[in-house]
Amino acid sequence: MQTLYRITTIALAAVLLCVAVFSMYAFFNSGTLISDHENRTLAPYPPLTADTWFGGSYGTDLDSYLSDHVLLREALIPVTRSLEQWMRVQSKIRIIDITKSN
């Protein structure tokens, strides 16, 4: 039981460390404004004001900003597209059971 607790603690700490590193990179890497792979302007850092905070738009805009400025984003876009294409090919495969009558 003690070993499971240690493994869980280490795994949780590793996940939190990864999230912290990616978030800090996104926070300090606001210099990239255009995505070469998507040919679009990336979301700017949202201004923090009382209106945006209490109106709820700050959280939404911050989520868009962090999504657009995540670490290694430009390198992961082609990988994601390849996986999506592979999943579409796999989803077209149908298994037909000829032993069952419908």
N, C-alpha and C. Protein backbone atom coordinates (compact mmCIF):
# COMPACT_ATOMS: atom_id res chain seq x y z
N MET A 1 0.82 -1.19 0.00
CA MET A 1 0.00 0.00 0.00
C MET A 1 0.87 1.26 0.00
N GLN A 2 1.96 1.20 0.75
CA GLN A 2 2.88 2.33 0.82
C GLN A 2 3.54 2.58 -0.54
N THR A 3 3.85 1.51 -1.28
CA THR A 3 4.47 1.63 -2.59
C THR A 3 3.51 2.27 -3.59
N LEU A 4 2.23 1.87 -3.54
CA LEU A 4 1.23 2.45 -4.43
C LEU A 4 1.07 3.94 -4.15
N TYR A 5 1.11 4.32 -2.89
CA TYR A 5 1.02 5.73 -2.53
C TYR A 5 2.20 6.52 -3.09
N ARG A 6 3.39 5.96 -3.01
CA ARG A 6 4.58 6.64 -3.53
C ARG A 6 4.52 6.77 -5.05
N ILE A 7 4.10 5.72 -5.72
CA ILE A 7 4.00 5.76 -7.19
C ILE A 7 2.98 6.80 -7.61
N THR A 8 1.83 6.82 -6.93
CA THR A 8 0.79 7.80 -7.26
C THR A 8 1.28 9.22 -7.02
N THR A 9 1.99 9.42 -5.92
CA THR A 9 2.52 10.75 -5.61
C THR A 9 3.54 11.20 -6.65
N ILE A 10 4.41 10.31 -7.06
CA ILE A 10 5.42 10.64 -8.07
C ILE A 10 4.76 10.94 -9.41
N ALA A 11 3.77 10.14 -9.79
CA ALA A 11 3.07 10.36 -11.06
C ALA A 11 2.34 11.70 -11.05
N LEU A 12 1.67 12.01 -9.96
CA LEU A 12 0.96 13.28 -9.86
C LEU A 12 1.93 14.46 -9.90
N ALA A 13 3.05 14.33 -9.22
CA ALA A 13 4.05 15.39 -9.24
C ALA A 13 4.62 15.59 -10.64
N ALA A 14 4.83 14.50 -11.39
CA ALA A 14 5.34 14.60 -12.75
C ALA A 14 4.33 15.30 -13.67
N VAL A 15 3.06 14.96 -13.53
CA VAL A 15 2.02 15.59 -14.34
C VAL A 15 1.92 17.08 -14.02
N LEU A 16 1.93 17.41 -12.73
CA LEU A 16 1.86 18.82 -12.34
C LEU A 16 3.08 19.61 -12.81
N LEU A 17 4.24 18.98 -12.78
CA LEU A 17 5.46 19.63 -13.28
C LEU A 17 5.35 19.90 -14.78
N CYS A 18 4.86 18.93 -15.53
CA CYS A 18 4.68 19.12 -16.98
C CYS A 18 3.70 20.25 -17.27
N VAL A 19 2.59 20.27 -16.55
CA VAL A 19 1.61 21.34 -16.75
C VAL A 19 2.22 22.70 -16.42
N ALA A 20 2.99 22.76 -15.34
CA ALA A 20 3.62 24.02 -14.95
C ALA A 20 4.63 24.49 -15.99
N VAL A 21 5.43 23.56 -16.52
CA VAL A 21 6.43 23.93 -17.53
C VAL A 21 5.75 24.43 -18.79
N PHE A 22 4.72 23.71 -19.27
CA PHE A 22 4.01 24.15 -20.48
C PHE A 22 3.33 25.50 -20.27
N SER A 23 2.75 25.71 -19.10
CA SER A 23 2.07 26.98 -18.83
C SER A 23 3.05 28.13 -18.74
N MET A 24 4.18 27.91 -18.08
CA MET A 24 5.17 28.97 -17.96
C MET A 24 5.76 29.32 -19.33
N TYR A 25 5.99 28.30 -20.15
CA TYR A 25 6.49 28.57 -21.50
C TYR A 25 5.48 29.40 -22.28
N ALA A 26 4.20 29.04 -22.19
CA ALA A 26 3.18 29.80 -22.90
C ALA A 26 3.09 31.22 -22.38
N PHE A 27 3.26 31.40 -21.09
CA PHE A 27 3.16 32.73 -20.49
C PHE A 27 4.29 33.63 -20.95
N PHE A 28 5.51 33.09 -21.03
CA PHE A 28 6.66 33.91 -21.39
C PHE A 28 6.95 33.94 -22.88
N ASN A 29 6.29 33.10 -23.67
CA ASN A 29 6.53 33.06 -25.12
C ASN A 29 5.40 33.75 -25.86
N SER A 30 5.23 35.00 -25.62
CA SER A 30 4.17 35.74 -26.30
C SER A 30 4.68 36.41 -27.57
N GLY A 31 5.92 36.15 -27.96
CA GLY A 31 6.49 36.78 -29.14
C GLY A 31 5.97 36.19 -30.45
N THR A 32 5.54 34.93 -30.44
CA THR A 32 5.02 34.30 -31.64
C THR A 32 3.59 34.76 -31.87
N LEU A 33 3.35 35.40 -33.01
CA LEU A 33 2.02 35.94 -33.28
C LEU A 33 1.31 35.26 -34.44
N ILE A 34 2.05 34.51 -35.27
CA ILE A 34 1.45 33.88 -36.46
C ILE A 34 1.87 32.43 -36.50
N SER A 35 0.90 31.57 -36.79
CA SER A 35 1.17 30.14 -36.94
C SER A 35 1.49 29.87 -38.40
N ASP A 36 2.66 29.28 -38.66
CA ASP A 36 3.04 28.97 -40.03
C ASP A 36 2.24 27.81 -40.61
N HIS A 37 1.94 26.82 -39.79
CA HIS A 37 1.22 25.64 -40.27
C HIS A 37 -0.27 25.91 -40.50
N GLU A 38 -0.86 26.77 -39.68
CA GLU A 38 -2.29 27.04 -39.79
C GLU A 38 -2.60 28.32 -40.56
N ASN A 39 -1.57 29.14 -40.83
CA ASN A 39 -1.74 30.38 -41.56
C ASN A 39 -2.81 31.27 -40.92
N ARG A 40 -2.64 31.50 -39.62
CA ARG A 40 -3.58 32.36 -38.89
C ARG A 40 -2.85 33.08 -37.77
N THR A 41 -3.47 34.12 -37.27
CA THR A 41 -2.92 34.88 -36.16
C THR A 41 -3.27 34.17 -34.85
N LEU A 42 -2.28 34.01 -33.98
CA LEU A 42 -2.51 33.36 -32.70
C LEU A 42 -3.15 34.34 -31.72
N ALA A 43 -3.81 33.80 -30.73
CA ALA A 43 -4.53 34.62 -29.75
C ALA A 43 -3.54 35.44 -28.92
N PRO A 44 -3.82 36.73 -28.74
CA PRO A 44 -2.94 37.56 -27.90
C PRO A 44 -3.25 37.32 -26.42
N TYR A 45 -2.32 37.75 -25.55
CA TYR A 45 -2.57 37.63 -24.12
C TYR A 45 -3.71 38.57 -23.75
N PRO A 46 -4.74 38.07 -23.05
CA PRO A 46 -5.91 38.92 -22.76
C PRO A 46 -5.62 39.91 -21.63
N PRO A 47 -6.17 41.10 -21.73
CA PRO A 47 -5.98 42.07 -20.66
C PRO A 47 -6.83 41.68 -19.44
N LEU A 48 -6.26 41.84 -18.27
CA LEU A 48 -6.97 41.51 -17.03
C LEU A 48 -7.56 42.79 -16.44
N THR A 49 -8.85 42.93 -16.58
CA THR A 49 -9.58 44.05 -16.01
C THR A 49 -10.75 43.50 -15.20
N ALA A 50 -11.38 44.35 -14.45
CA ALA A 50 -12.53 43.93 -13.64
C ALA A 50 -13.67 43.45 -14.55
N ASP A 51 -13.87 44.15 -15.68
CA ASP A 51 -14.95 43.77 -16.59
C ASP A 51 -14.71 42.40 -17.22
N THR A 52 -13.47 42.16 -17.67
CA THR A 52 -13.20 40.86 -18.30
C THR A 52 -13.21 39.74 -17.27
N TRP A 53 -12.74 40.02 -16.03
CA TRP A 53 -12.71 38.98 -15.01
C TRP A 53 -14.14 38.59 -14.58
N PHE A 54 -14.94 39.57 -14.22
CA PHE A 54 -16.29 39.27 -13.74
C PHE A 54 -17.26 38.96 -14.87
N GLY A 55 -16.95 39.39 -16.08
CA GLY A 55 -17.79 39.05 -17.22
C GLY A 55 -17.56 37.64 -17.75
N GLY A 56 -16.43 37.04 -17.36
CA GLY A 56 -16.15 35.68 -17.78
C GLY A 56 -15.34 35.55 -19.04
N SER A 57 -15.07 36.65 -19.72
CA SER A 57 -14.34 36.56 -20.98
C SER A 57 -12.85 36.35 -20.76
N TYR A 58 -12.33 36.73 -19.58
CA TYR A 58 -10.90 36.58 -19.33
C TYR A 58 -10.50 35.10 -19.33
N GLY A 59 -11.28 34.26 -18.69
CA GLY A 59 -10.97 32.83 -18.64
C GLY A 59 -11.00 32.19 -20.02
N THR A 60 -11.98 32.53 -20.82
CA THR A 60 -12.09 32.00 -22.17
C THR A 60 -10.93 32.46 -23.04
N ASP A 61 -10.61 33.75 -22.96
CA ASP A 61 -9.51 34.30 -23.75
C ASP A 61 -8.16 33.74 -23.29
N LEU A 62 -7.99 33.54 -21.99
CA LEU A 62 -6.75 32.96 -21.47
C LEU A 62 -6.60 31.51 -21.93
N ASP A 63 -7.69 30.78 -21.97
CA ASP A 63 -7.66 29.41 -22.46
C ASP A 63 -7.24 29.37 -23.93
N SER A 64 -7.77 30.28 -24.74
CA SER A 64 -7.37 30.36 -26.15
C SER A 64 -5.89 30.72 -26.28
N TYR A 65 -5.44 31.65 -25.45
CA TYR A 65 -4.03 32.06 -25.49
C TYR A 65 -3.12 30.89 -25.13
N LEU A 66 -3.43 30.18 -24.06
CA LEU A 66 -2.59 29.06 -23.64
C LEU A 66 -2.60 27.93 -24.67
N SER A 67 -3.74 27.71 -25.30
CA SER A 67 -3.82 26.68 -26.34
C SER A 67 -2.98 27.05 -27.56
N ASP A 68 -2.94 28.32 -27.89
CA ASP A 68 -2.19 28.77 -29.06
C ASP A 68 -0.69 28.85 -28.80
N HIS A 69 -0.26 28.99 -27.55
CA HIS A 69 1.15 29.20 -27.25
C HIS A 69 1.78 28.06 -26.45
N VAL A 70 1.24 26.87 -26.57
CA VAL A 70 1.77 25.73 -25.83
C VAL A 70 3.14 25.33 -26.39
N LEU A 71 3.97 24.75 -25.54
CA LEU A 71 5.33 24.35 -25.91
C LEU A 71 5.31 23.34 -27.05
N LEU A 72 6.14 23.55 -28.07
CA LEU A 72 6.29 22.67 -29.24
C LEU A 72 5.01 22.54 -30.07
N ARG A 73 4.16 23.55 -30.04
CA ARG A 73 2.89 23.51 -30.75
C ARG A 73 3.07 23.35 -32.25
N GLU A 74 3.97 24.13 -32.82
CA GLU A 74 4.19 24.07 -34.27
C GLU A 74 4.71 22.71 -34.70
N ALA A 75 5.51 22.06 -33.87
CA ALA A 75 6.04 20.74 -34.21
C ALA A 75 4.99 19.65 -34.06
N LEU A 76 4.01 19.86 -33.19
CA LEU A 76 3.00 18.84 -32.95
C LEU A 76 1.82 18.90 -33.91
N ILE A 77 1.66 19.99 -34.64
CA ILE A 77 0.53 20.11 -35.56
C ILE A 77 0.59 19.05 -36.67
N PRO A 78 1.73 18.82 -37.34
CA PRO A 78 1.75 17.75 -38.35
C PRO A 78 1.52 16.36 -37.76
N VAL A 79 1.99 16.13 -36.56
CA VAL A 79 1.76 14.83 -35.91
C VAL A 79 0.27 14.64 -35.65
N THR A 80 -0.38 15.68 -35.17
CA THR A 80 -1.82 15.61 -34.90
C THR A 80 -2.61 15.37 -36.18
N ARG A 81 -2.24 16.04 -37.24
CA ARG A 81 -2.94 15.84 -38.51
C ARG A 81 -2.77 14.41 -39.03
N SER A 82 -1.58 13.86 -38.88
CA SER A 82 -1.34 12.48 -39.31
C SER A 82 -2.19 11.51 -38.48
N LEU A 83 -2.25 11.73 -37.19
CA LEU A 83 -3.07 10.87 -36.34
C LEU A 83 -4.55 10.98 -36.69
N GLU A 84 -5.02 12.17 -36.98
CA GLU A 84 -6.42 12.35 -37.37
C GLU A 84 -6.73 11.62 -38.67
N GLN A 85 -5.83 11.70 -39.64
CA GLN A 85 -6.03 10.97 -40.89
C GLN A 85 -6.04 9.47 -40.66
N TRP A 86 -5.13 8.98 -39.82
CA TRP A 86 -5.07 7.57 -39.52
C TRP A 86 -6.35 7.11 -38.82
N MET A 87 -6.89 7.94 -37.92
CA MET A 87 -8.11 7.57 -37.21
C MET A 87 -9.31 7.56 -38.16
N ARG A 88 -9.33 8.45 -39.13
CA ARG A 88 -10.42 8.44 -40.12
C ARG A 88 -10.38 7.18 -40.95
N VAL A 89 -9.20 6.71 -41.32
CA VAL A 89 -9.06 5.48 -42.08
C VAL A 89 -9.53 4.30 -41.23
N GLN A 90 -9.15 4.29 -39.97
CA GLN A 90 -9.53 3.20 -39.08
C GLN A 90 -11.04 3.20 -38.83
N SER A 91 -11.67 4.38 -38.79
CA SER A 91 -13.10 4.43 -38.51
C SER A 91 -13.93 3.93 -39.68
N LYS A 92 -13.37 3.85 -40.88
CA LYS A 92 -14.11 3.36 -42.04
C LYS A 92 -14.12 1.84 -42.13
N ILE A 93 -13.32 1.18 -41.31
CA ILE A 93 -13.26 -0.28 -41.32
C ILE A 93 -14.46 -0.82 -40.54
N ARG A 94 -15.21 -1.73 -41.15
CA ARG A 94 -16.37 -2.34 -40.52
C ARG A 94 -16.17 -3.84 -40.43
N ILE A 95 -16.58 -4.38 -39.30
CA ILE A 95 -16.50 -5.83 -39.12
C ILE A 95 -17.90 -6.39 -39.37
N ILE A 96 -17.96 -7.34 -40.27
CA ILE A 96 -19.23 -7.96 -40.61
C ILE A 96 -19.21 -9.41 -40.13
N ASP A 97 -20.18 -9.75 -39.31
CA ASP A 97 -20.28 -11.11 -38.78
C ASP A 97 -21.30 -11.85 -39.63
N ILE A 98 -20.86 -12.77 -40.48
CA ILE A 98 -21.77 -13.48 -41.39
C ILE A 98 -22.47 -14.65 -40.69
N THR A 99 -22.04 -14.95 -39.48
CA THR A 99 -22.70 -16.05 -38.76
C THR A 99 -24.00 -15.61 -38.12
N LYS A 100 -24.18 -14.31 -37.90
CA LYS A 100 -25.42 -13.79 -37.32
C LYS A 100 -26.39 -13.42 -38.44
N SER A 101 -27.65 -13.71 -38.21
CA SER A 101 -28.65 -13.27 -39.19
C SER A 101 -29.40 -12.07 -38.60
N ASN A 102 -29.60 -11.06 -39.45
CA ASN A 102 -30.23 -9.83 -38.97
C ASN A 102 -31.69 -9.86 -39.20
